[in-house]
N, C-alpha and C. Protein backbone atom coordinates (compact mmCIF):
# COMPACT_ATOMS: atom_id res chain seq x y z
N UNK A 1 87.66 123.66 97.39
CA UNK A 1 88.63 123.80 96.32
C UNK A 1 89.25 122.51 95.99
N UNK A 2 89.20 121.88 94.99
CA UNK A 2 89.64 120.70 94.58
C UNK A 2 91.11 120.63 95.03
N UNK A 3 91.13 119.16 95.20
CA UNK A 3 92.79 118.65 95.26
C UNK A 3 93.41 118.74 93.68
N UNK A 4 94.48 119.79 93.88
CA UNK A 4 95.06 119.16 92.58
C UNK A 4 96.21 118.20 92.83
N UNK A 5 96.54 117.57 91.56
CA UNK A 5 97.59 116.49 91.42
C UNK A 5 99.07 117.31 91.43
N UNK A 6 100.00 116.44 92.24
CA UNK A 6 101.11 116.74 92.24
C UNK A 6 101.87 116.88 90.93
N UNK A 7 102.83 117.87 90.82
CA UNK A 7 103.08 118.47 89.60
C UNK A 7 103.97 116.95 89.36
N UNK A 8 103.95 116.39 87.97
CA UNK A 8 104.93 115.01 87.39
C UNK A 8 106.25 115.73 86.69
N UNK A 9 107.31 115.02 87.34
CA UNK A 9 108.63 115.58 86.83
C UNK A 9 109.57 114.50 87.14
N UNK A 10 110.36 114.31 86.54
CA UNK A 10 111.54 113.47 86.83
C UNK A 10 112.80 114.03 86.36
N UNK A 11 113.81 114.28 87.43
CA UNK A 11 114.92 115.24 86.86
C UNK A 11 116.10 114.04 87.40
N UNK A 12 117.70 114.11 86.59
CA UNK A 12 118.44 113.45 87.09
C UNK A 12 119.79 114.08 87.27
N UNK A 13 120.51 113.41 88.04
CA UNK A 13 122.12 113.82 88.03
C UNK A 13 122.81 112.76 87.91
N UNK A 14 123.64 112.93 87.27
CA UNK A 14 124.87 111.95 86.75
C UNK A 14 126.28 112.26 87.04
N UNK A 15 126.73 111.01 87.83
CA UNK A 15 128.31 111.32 88.19
C UNK A 15 129.15 110.14 87.85
N UNK A 16 129.82 110.44 87.12
CA UNK A 16 130.98 109.39 86.49
C UNK A 16 132.02 109.48 86.72
N UNK A 17 132.31 108.20 87.67
CA UNK A 17 133.89 108.01 88.22
C UNK A 17 134.30 106.64 87.90
N UNK A 18 135.70 106.60 87.37
CA UNK A 18 136.16 105.07 87.66
C UNK A 18 135.35 104.12 86.95
N UNK A 19 134.70 104.10 85.96
CA UNK A 19 133.93 103.03 85.33
C UNK A 19 132.68 102.94 86.36
N UNK A 20 132.07 103.92 86.96
CA UNK A 20 130.99 103.75 87.51
C UNK A 20 130.21 105.16 87.42
N UNK A 21 129.04 104.66 86.92
CA UNK A 21 128.22 105.98 86.84
C UNK A 21 127.03 106.10 87.89
N UNK A 22 127.02 107.10 88.81
CA UNK A 22 125.80 106.97 89.60
C UNK A 22 124.50 108.04 89.22
N UNK A 23 123.51 107.72 89.07
CA UNK A 23 122.53 108.55 88.65
C UNK A 23 121.39 108.52 89.72
N UNK A 24 121.40 109.82 90.00
CA UNK A 24 120.37 110.26 91.10
C UNK A 24 119.23 110.65 90.63
N UNK A 25 118.27 110.03 90.94
CA UNK A 25 116.78 110.13 90.29
C UNK A 25 116.01 111.27 91.14
N UNK A 26 115.13 111.85 90.99
CA UNK A 26 114.38 112.68 91.39
C UNK A 26 113.15 112.94 90.86
N UNK A 27 111.74 112.73 91.73
CA UNK A 27 110.85 113.02 90.91
C UNK A 27 109.95 111.61 90.68
N UNK A 28 109.04 111.40 89.92
CA UNK A 28 108.51 110.28 89.66
C UNK A 28 108.57 109.42 88.38
N UNK A 29 108.92 108.33 88.60
CA UNK A 29 108.92 107.01 87.44
C UNK A 29 108.05 106.48 87.13
N UNK A 30 107.14 107.62 86.02
CA UNK A 30 106.16 106.82 85.60
C UNK A 30 105.55 107.24 84.06
N UNK A 31 104.78 106.73 83.44
CA UNK A 31 104.23 106.95 82.49
C UNK A 31 104.37 108.30 81.61
N UNK A 32 105.00 108.66 80.55
CA UNK A 32 105.45 109.69 80.36
C UNK A 32 106.65 110.42 80.50
N UNK A 33 107.09 109.98 81.57
CA UNK A 33 108.42 110.35 82.25
C UNK A 33 109.51 109.60 82.19
N UNK A 34 109.26 108.40 82.08
CA UNK A 34 110.20 107.20 82.02
C UNK A 34 111.19 107.24 80.74
N UNK A 35 110.87 107.88 79.70
CA UNK A 35 111.79 108.11 78.59
C UNK A 35 113.14 109.08 78.67
N UNK A 36 113.09 109.97 80.19
CA UNK A 36 113.79 110.90 80.55
C UNK A 36 115.13 110.01 81.19
N UNK A 37 114.61 108.84 82.08
CA UNK A 37 115.88 107.97 82.52
C UNK A 37 116.23 107.18 81.66
N UNK A 38 115.50 106.15 80.45
CA UNK A 38 115.92 105.62 79.73
C UNK A 38 117.08 106.19 78.71
N UNK A 39 116.60 107.25 78.02
CA UNK A 39 117.56 107.84 77.21
C UNK A 39 118.57 108.56 77.92
N UNK A 40 119.02 108.90 79.16
CA UNK A 40 120.05 109.16 79.49
C UNK A 40 120.93 108.02 80.40
N UNK A 41 120.15 107.12 80.72
CA UNK A 41 120.61 105.84 81.47
C UNK A 41 121.63 104.82 80.25
N UNK A 42 120.68 104.54 79.15
CA UNK A 42 120.93 103.74 78.05
C UNK A 42 122.49 103.93 77.66
N UNK A 43 123.00 105.30 77.34
CA UNK A 43 124.06 105.11 76.94
C UNK A 43 125.30 105.11 77.81
N UNK A 44 125.05 105.23 79.03
CA UNK A 44 125.95 104.97 80.16
C UNK A 44 126.42 103.50 80.16
N UNK A 45 125.25 102.42 79.77
CA UNK A 45 125.55 101.14 79.78
C UNK A 45 126.67 100.85 79.09
N UNK A 46 126.73 101.29 77.63
CA UNK A 46 128.20 100.75 77.14
C UNK A 46 129.28 101.56 77.23
N UNK A 47 129.52 102.50 78.18
CA UNK A 47 130.51 103.25 78.68
C UNK A 47 131.06 103.00 79.60
N UNK A 48 130.24 102.33 80.56
CA UNK A 48 130.71 101.90 82.41
C UNK A 48 130.73 100.22 82.19
N UNK A 49 131.26 100.21 83.46
CA UNK A 49 131.21 98.72 84.10
C UNK A 49 129.77 98.49 84.82
N UNK A 50 129.54 99.55 85.61
CA UNK A 50 128.55 99.51 86.87
C UNK A 50 127.74 101.00 86.53
N UNK A 51 126.09 100.66 87.00
CA UNK A 51 125.47 101.99 86.74
C UNK A 51 124.91 101.75 87.83
N UNK A 52 124.78 102.48 88.56
CA UNK A 52 124.13 102.76 90.18
C UNK A 52 122.77 103.46 89.85
N UNK A 53 121.58 103.48 90.17
CA UNK A 53 120.46 104.30 90.22
C UNK A 53 120.03 104.61 91.16
N UNK A 54 120.35 105.65 92.13
CA UNK A 54 119.81 106.13 93.35
C UNK A 54 118.24 106.48 93.41
N UNK A 55 117.27 105.63 93.85
CA UNK A 55 116.21 106.06 94.03
C UNK A 55 115.78 106.62 95.18
N UNK A 56 116.28 107.13 95.83
CA UNK A 56 116.30 107.71 97.34
C UNK A 56 115.23 109.03 97.40
N UNK A 57 114.85 109.07 95.97
CA UNK A 57 114.11 110.91 95.98
C UNK A 57 112.98 110.36 94.83
N UNK A 58 112.62 108.93 94.63
CA UNK A 58 111.70 108.75 93.81
C UNK A 58 110.41 108.70 94.64
N UNK A 59 109.37 109.66 94.46
CA UNK A 59 107.94 109.56 94.69
C UNK A 59 106.89 108.85 94.49
N UNK A 60 106.83 108.23 92.90
CA UNK A 60 105.92 107.49 92.42
C UNK A 60 106.85 106.68 91.54
N UNK A 61 106.23 105.44 91.21
CA UNK A 61 106.39 104.56 90.19
C UNK A 61 105.22 103.65 90.02
N UNK A 62 105.20 103.27 88.41
CA UNK A 62 104.29 102.90 88.06
C UNK A 62 104.50 101.32 87.22
N UNK A 63 103.55 100.90 86.23
CA UNK A 63 104.31 99.54 85.62
C UNK A 63 104.91 99.98 84.23
N UNK A 64 104.65 101.08 83.81
CA UNK A 64 105.60 101.61 82.89
C UNK A 64 107.20 101.90 83.37
N UNK A 65 107.53 102.57 84.56
CA UNK A 65 108.60 102.89 85.18
C UNK A 65 109.20 101.36 85.44
N UNK A 66 108.46 100.35 86.16
CA UNK A 66 109.03 99.06 86.22
C UNK A 66 109.54 98.62 84.90
N UNK A 67 108.80 98.78 83.97
CA UNK A 67 109.17 98.29 82.45
C UNK A 67 110.48 99.08 82.01
N UNK A 68 110.61 100.05 82.05
CA UNK A 68 112.05 100.95 81.94
C UNK A 68 113.13 100.36 82.81
N UNK A 69 113.06 100.12 84.12
CA UNK A 69 114.03 99.15 85.00
C UNK A 69 114.43 98.12 83.97
N UNK A 70 113.23 97.27 84.00
CA UNK A 70 113.90 96.09 83.24
C UNK A 70 114.65 95.70 82.16
N UNK A 71 113.87 97.06 81.08
CA UNK A 71 114.70 97.75 80.19
C UNK A 71 116.05 97.71 80.03
N UNK A 72 116.35 98.30 81.17
CA UNK A 72 117.98 98.89 81.31
C UNK A 72 118.26 97.59 81.76
N UNK A 73 117.97 96.93 82.71
CA UNK A 73 118.36 95.78 83.45
C UNK A 73 118.88 95.00 82.12
N UNK A 74 118.06 94.64 81.12
CA UNK A 74 118.47 93.93 80.12
C UNK A 74 119.48 94.13 79.23
N UNK A 75 119.52 95.42 78.83
CA UNK A 75 120.58 95.99 78.16
C UNK A 75 121.94 96.08 78.90
N UNK A 76 121.68 96.17 80.19
CA UNK A 76 123.03 96.08 81.01
C UNK A 76 123.55 94.86 81.09
N UNK A 77 122.64 93.68 81.25
CA UNK A 77 123.46 92.02 81.14
C UNK A 77 123.98 92.18 79.86
N UNK A 78 123.50 92.33 78.74
CA UNK A 78 123.59 92.00 77.46
C UNK A 78 124.83 92.63 77.42
N UNK A 79 125.09 94.00 77.82
CA UNK A 79 126.37 94.60 77.64
C UNK A 79 127.60 94.29 78.54
N UNK A 80 127.40 93.39 79.45
CA UNK A 80 128.54 93.01 80.55
C UNK A 80 128.40 93.80 81.73
N UNK A 81 127.56 95.14 81.83
CA UNK A 81 127.50 96.17 82.63
C UNK A 81 126.57 95.44 84.06
N UNK A 82 127.18 96.19 85.30
CA UNK A 82 126.01 95.59 86.31
C UNK A 82 125.23 97.01 86.63
N UNK A 83 124.01 96.57 86.82
CA UNK A 83 123.02 97.64 87.36
C UNK A 83 122.40 97.58 88.23
N UNK A 84 122.73 98.73 89.44
CA UNK A 84 122.46 98.58 90.60
C UNK A 84 120.85 99.49 91.10
N UNK A 85 120.67 99.17 92.01
CA UNK A 85 119.08 99.76 92.54
C UNK A 85 119.81 100.15 94.01
N UNK A 86 120.04 101.84 94.24
CA UNK A 86 120.38 102.01 95.27
C UNK A 86 119.40 102.90 96.28
N UNK A 87 119.09 102.37 97.43
CA UNK A 87 118.13 103.41 98.55
C UNK A 87 116.61 103.02 97.78
N UNK A 88 116.27 101.93 97.79
CA UNK A 88 115.05 102.17 97.40
C UNK A 88 113.62 102.17 98.20
N UNK A 89 112.76 102.84 97.95
CA UNK A 89 111.79 103.22 98.98
C UNK A 89 110.61 102.20 99.24
N UNK A 90 109.96 102.34 99.94
CA UNK A 90 109.15 101.39 100.47
C UNK A 90 108.09 100.82 99.26
N UNK A 91 107.61 101.84 98.51
CA UNK A 91 106.70 101.66 97.23
C UNK A 91 107.55 100.82 95.87
N UNK A 92 108.68 101.22 95.69
CA UNK A 92 109.39 100.56 95.04
C UNK A 92 109.63 98.98 95.34
N UNK A 93 109.99 98.99 96.71
CA UNK A 93 110.19 97.58 97.18
C UNK A 93 109.22 96.86 97.22
N UNK A 94 107.94 97.49 97.15
CA UNK A 94 106.49 96.54 97.39
C UNK A 94 106.41 96.27 95.73
N UNK A 95 106.37 96.84 94.78
CA UNK A 95 106.34 96.58 93.67
C UNK A 95 107.06 95.91 93.08
N UNK A 96 108.60 96.10 93.16
CA UNK A 96 109.36 94.72 92.68
C UNK A 96 109.40 93.46 93.40
N UNK A 97 108.62 93.45 94.55
CA UNK A 97 108.38 92.09 95.44
C UNK A 97 107.14 91.58 94.90
N UNK A 98 106.15 92.43 94.02
CA UNK A 98 105.03 91.99 93.88
C UNK A 98 104.98 91.17 92.37
N UNK A 99 105.95 91.53 91.86
CA UNK A 99 106.49 91.51 90.54
C UNK A 99 107.41 90.39 90.18
N UNK A 100 107.85 89.82 91.55
CA UNK A 100 108.86 88.92 91.57
C UNK A 100 110.19 89.29 90.70
N UNK A 101 110.67 90.93 91.04
CA UNK A 101 111.79 91.32 90.48
C UNK A 101 112.72 91.94 91.60
N UNK A 102 112.33 91.69 92.55
CA UNK A 102 113.21 92.19 93.76
C UNK A 102 114.58 91.08 93.82
N UNK A 103 114.02 90.19 93.42
CA UNK A 103 115.51 89.06 93.43
C UNK A 103 116.26 89.07 92.06
N UNK A 104 115.76 89.83 91.00
CA UNK A 104 116.47 89.89 90.15
C UNK A 104 117.51 91.11 90.19
N UNK A 105 117.08 92.23 90.37
CA UNK A 105 117.85 93.43 90.85
C UNK A 105 118.61 93.13 91.77
N UNK A 106 119.90 93.91 91.84
CA UNK A 106 120.94 93.93 92.91
C UNK A 106 120.49 95.29 93.62
N UNK A 107 119.80 95.14 94.74
CA UNK A 107 119.58 96.14 95.80
C UNK A 107 120.47 96.67 96.81
N UNK A 108 121.00 97.90 96.91
CA UNK A 108 122.14 98.16 97.61
C UNK A 108 121.68 99.65 98.61
N UNK A 109 122.66 99.66 99.53
CA UNK A 109 122.32 100.72 100.36
C UNK A 109 121.30 100.57 101.64
N UNK A 110 120.29 101.37 101.92
CA UNK A 110 119.56 101.51 103.12
C UNK A 110 118.71 100.25 102.56
N UNK A 111 118.26 99.22 103.89
CA UNK A 111 117.89 98.18 103.88
C UNK A 111 117.93 97.54 102.67
N UNK A 112 119.11 97.48 101.84
CA UNK A 112 119.60 96.59 100.84
C UNK A 112 120.51 95.35 101.05
N UNK A 113 121.18 94.91 100.11
CA UNK A 113 121.92 93.74 100.25
C UNK A 113 123.38 94.39 100.70
N UNK A 114 124.05 95.17 100.05
CA UNK A 114 125.37 95.63 100.61
C UNK A 114 125.60 97.00 99.99
N UNK A 115 126.86 97.73 99.99
CA UNK A 115 127.36 98.82 99.76
C UNK A 115 128.25 98.70 98.54
């Protein structure tokens, strides 16, 4: 029996308190799914002072996913909002490092800079 590819999905849970939006991401941040993240997070940027993307349940990321993170980062900087990545996994950390983006993003939580 041939190996079947894992189902592709991306779901978000958004919690807003005191000018901070925490977005818990579940699934894959890959081509064809990144619009879910962008369309849900982009409006939060103008309404909050800080957006935290909890990446602890991201199972895959590709160049389109990285591009979406960069787009959200750029939008947040323009709007005066702080975008932070929480609990990035090994694969996300590797890709951010390879693309020299690890120093651009504020990484918090497990193996990160600060909470």
